[in-house]
Structure formats: structure tokens, C-alpha cells
Protein backbone atom coordinates (compact mmCIF):
# COMPACT_ATOMS: atom_id res chain seq x y z
CA MET A 1 -40.56 177.88 -82.34
CA HIS A 2 -38.04 175.30 -81.13
CA GLN A 3 -39.82 172.71 -83.25
CA LEU A 4 -39.40 174.83 -86.40
CA ALA A 5 -35.72 175.46 -85.65
CA ALA A 6 -35.10 171.77 -84.96
CA GLN A 7 -36.88 170.80 -88.16
CA TRP A 8 -34.78 173.31 -90.12
CA ILE A 9 -31.39 172.11 -88.84
CA VAL A 10 -32.28 168.41 -88.98
CA THR A 11 -33.48 168.76 -92.59
CA LEU A 12 -30.33 170.68 -93.52
CA LEU A 13 -28.14 167.93 -92.02
CA ARG A 14 -30.08 164.93 -93.29
CA GLU A 15 -30.29 166.27 -96.86
CA ARG A 16 -26.48 166.31 -96.84
CA ASN A 17 -26.06 162.97 -95.00
CA ILE A 18 -24.20 164.69 -92.17
CA PRO A 19 -24.11 162.72 -88.92
CA PHE A 20 -25.04 164.69 -85.81
CA VAL A 21 -25.78 164.22 -82.14
CA ILE A 22 -28.06 166.37 -79.99
CA CYS A 23 -26.65 167.40 -76.61
CA GLY A 24 -27.42 170.12 -74.06
CA GLY A 25 -30.89 171.00 -72.84
CA LEU A 26 -32.80 169.37 -75.68
CA ALA A 27 -31.08 166.03 -75.05
CA ALA A 28 -31.74 166.46 -71.33
CA GLN A 29 -35.45 166.99 -72.15
CA GLY A 30 -35.39 163.71 -74.03
CA TYR A 31 -34.33 162.07 -70.76
CA GLY A 32 -36.88 163.84 -68.56
CA ALA A 33 -35.64 167.37 -67.87
CA LYS A 34 -38.47 169.91 -67.84
CA ARG A 35 -36.69 173.28 -67.91
CA GLU A 36 -37.31 175.68 -70.76
CA LEU A 37 -34.88 175.40 -73.67
CA ASN A 38 -32.42 178.23 -74.22
CA ASP A 39 -31.26 176.91 -77.58
CA ILE A 40 -30.65 173.76 -79.59
CA ASP A 41 -27.15 172.31 -79.23
CA LEU A 42 -25.61 169.65 -81.41
CA PHE A 43 -22.30 168.38 -82.71
CA VAL A 44 -21.20 167.31 -86.18
CA PRO A 45 -17.92 165.60 -87.17
CA GLY A 46 -15.09 168.00 -87.97
CA GLU A 47 -14.96 167.06 -91.64
CA HIS A 48 -18.59 168.20 -92.09
CA PHE A 49 -18.47 171.42 -90.08
CA SER A 50 -17.69 173.80 -92.97
CA SER A 51 -20.50 172.24 -95.06
CA VAL A 52 -22.97 172.98 -92.29
CA VAL A 53 -21.74 176.56 -91.98
CA GLN A 54 -22.04 177.05 -95.75
CA ALA A 55 -25.51 175.50 -95.93
CA GLY A 56 -26.87 177.63 -93.11
CA GLN A 57 -25.08 180.84 -94.13
CA ALA A 58 -28.27 182.92 -94.35
CA TYR A 59 -29.07 182.27 -90.67
CA ILE A 60 -25.67 182.80 -89.02
CA SER A 61 -25.95 184.98 -85.91
CA LYS A 62 -22.51 184.18 -84.46
CA ALA A 63 -19.63 183.49 -86.83
CA ALA A 64 -18.10 180.04 -87.20
CA THR A 65 -14.84 180.26 -85.29
CA HIS A 66 -13.07 179.05 -82.16
CA TYR A 67 -14.64 180.21 -78.90
CA CYS A 68 -13.57 179.75 -75.29
CA GLU A 69 -16.51 180.76 -73.09
CA GLU A 70 -18.90 179.55 -70.38
CA GLY A 71 -17.00 176.31 -69.77
CA TRP A 72 -16.60 175.49 -73.46
CA ASP A 73 -13.48 175.58 -75.65
CA LEU A 74 -14.44 174.62 -79.19
CA THR A 75 -15.24 175.74 -82.71
CA TYR A 76 -18.91 176.35 -83.33
CA VAL A 77 -21.39 178.39 -85.30
CA GLN A 78 -24.62 179.86 -84.04
CA PHE A 79 -27.62 180.15 -86.31
CA LYS A 80 -30.84 181.94 -85.47
CA TYR A 81 -33.92 180.42 -87.06
CA GLU A 82 -37.39 181.77 -86.23
CA GLY A 83 -35.85 183.51 -83.21
CA VAL A 84 -34.29 180.31 -81.83
CA LYS A 85 -30.54 179.89 -81.40
CA VAL A 86 -29.15 176.71 -82.97
CA GLU A 87 -25.54 176.05 -82.00
CA VAL A 88 -23.61 173.53 -84.07
CA GLY A 89 -20.27 172.48 -82.65
CA ASN A 90 -17.33 170.93 -84.42
CA ALA A 91 -16.76 167.70 -82.47
CA GLU A 92 -13.05 167.71 -83.24
CA TYR A 93 -10.95 168.86 -80.24
CA ALA A 94 -13.96 170.11 -78.27
CA GLN A 95 -13.08 170.70 -74.63
CA ILE A 96 -15.06 171.51 -71.50
CA TYR A 97 -13.95 173.05 -68.24
CA ASN A 98 -13.79 170.67 -65.30
CA ALA A 99 -15.15 172.79 -62.46
CA ALA A 100 -13.81 170.44 -59.76
CA ASN A 101 -10.24 170.19 -61.11
CA HIS A 102 -10.07 173.68 -62.66
CA ALA A 103 -8.74 172.19 -65.89
CA TRP A 104 -9.83 171.80 -69.50
CA VAL A 105 -10.65 168.25 -70.57
CA LEU A 106 -11.37 166.77 -73.97
CA LEU A 107 -15.06 166.12 -74.66
CA PRO A 108 -15.14 162.93 -76.68
CA ILE A 109 -18.10 162.94 -79.07
CA ASP A 110 -18.89 159.44 -80.33
CA PHE A 111 -21.52 159.51 -83.07
CA SER A 112 -22.20 155.80 -82.58
CA ARG A 113 -23.17 156.34 -78.91
CA ILE A 114 -26.65 157.71 -79.45
CA HIS A 115 -30.21 157.03 -78.41
CA THR A 116 -32.82 157.95 -81.02
CA ILE A 117 -35.97 159.40 -79.55
CA LYS A 118 -38.97 161.34 -80.85
CA LEU A 119 -38.74 164.95 -79.68
CA LEU A 120 -40.26 168.11 -81.14
CA GLY A 121 -42.00 165.89 -83.67
CA LEU A 122 -38.69 164.52 -85.03
CA GLU A 123 -36.63 161.38 -84.62
CA LEU A 124 -33.49 162.79 -83.03
CA PRO A 125 -30.15 161.14 -82.18
CA LEU A 126 -29.43 162.13 -78.58
CA MET A 127 -26.12 161.77 -76.80
CA LEU A 128 -26.47 158.74 -74.50
CA ARG A 129 -27.89 159.60 -71.07
CA GLU A 130 -24.73 158.48 -69.24
CA ASP A 131 -22.48 160.53 -71.57
CA LEU A 132 -24.70 163.58 -71.16
CA ILE A 133 -24.73 163.22 -67.36
CA GLU A 134 -20.95 162.78 -67.36
CA TYR A 135 -20.21 165.95 -69.32
CA LYS A 136 -22.82 167.96 -67.44
CA SER A 137 -21.27 166.74 -64.16
CA ILE A 138 -17.85 167.93 -65.30
CA LEU A 139 -19.20 171.38 -66.23
CA SER A 140 -21.33 171.57 -63.07
CA ARG A 141 -23.03 174.86 -63.96
CA PRO A 142 -26.38 175.41 -62.18
CA VAL A 143 -28.28 174.55 -65.38
CA ASP A 144 -26.28 171.30 -65.72
CA ILE A 145 -26.95 170.28 -62.12
CA GLU A 146 -30.67 170.94 -62.67
CA ASP A 147 -30.64 168.76 -65.81
CA ILE A 148 -28.75 165.94 -64.09
CA GLN A 149 -31.21 165.83 -61.18
CA ALA A 150 -34.18 165.73 -63.56
CA MET A 151 -32.58 163.01 -65.74
CA ARG A 152 -31.79 160.86 -62.71
CA GLU A 153 -35.35 161.19 -61.39
CA GLN A 154 -36.66 159.90 -64.73
CA ALA A 155 -34.16 157.03 -65.03
């Protein structure tokens, strides 16, 4: 099902020439993590966010708005396609919670810092391994620590 959901969102974005970068568990899988995916996480530039929301309107399961939860402070929308959650974040002003410093820090999303890899039958632009490890280290949730260990073993 993750393959169908990934194909849906990638097609939606590419048909509209919207840049995107895959992060989270799917990106970690691209670098060797083996844990089961909870969802598909990606970012788009702020100027394209409303277009994505509009294009995927029929599949919205969590409204496009600002959320501050689970170590994240950002604007995102959650779609549900074939039972799979697809979370698209607005890269503008996205912040994550630094577990060590107990402070919110800006999460810089650079759409030129990607590594394209074939995953789920698609060519996907992943956040660079070092950027992914850095943000997962800052969050330091159990799932992030698990991903970091797996990515480092595969490096």
C-alpha cells in the first residue's frame, strides 16, 4: 500500500512541477533502516503548499494548518491514500524540538541537498543522509534513534 500512496503523491507533485524532498522513515529506509513505515513524510516549498493541498483535497484526513506536536512545529496536511498516511509539510519556518536543549530550532529544508534513489518502485529525492541523521539526532525520539543506528550501520 505504501507503494500506491507514494506513487499517488509523487505523480501529483511531478505533474505540477512542485519540488519535494522525502524525509522521515521512508528516507531512512533509503539509507538502510528496516523498520516498518508508519507514513510517508515529505516537504514542499512554502509557495507550493496550498497547491498541494488543493490538488489532494479529496484525500485530506487532517486539515492543512499549523500544528505543534510530537517534536514538530510546522504547517502540514495529512492525506490518506489507500489507507496510508501521507504527510506533506510546508518547509517554510518548520521547527523541531531539540530534546537535549529543550528548545525549538529551525529545520532548514534545502531542496538542492538531495540524494535520488529508487524506492517503492519510484525515483525519489531523499533528504541527504547527514541532514536526516542531524534532524533525527535533534529530535531523539526512540524511532529516530532506531533509524540513526540502522543508517550508520549501512553507511
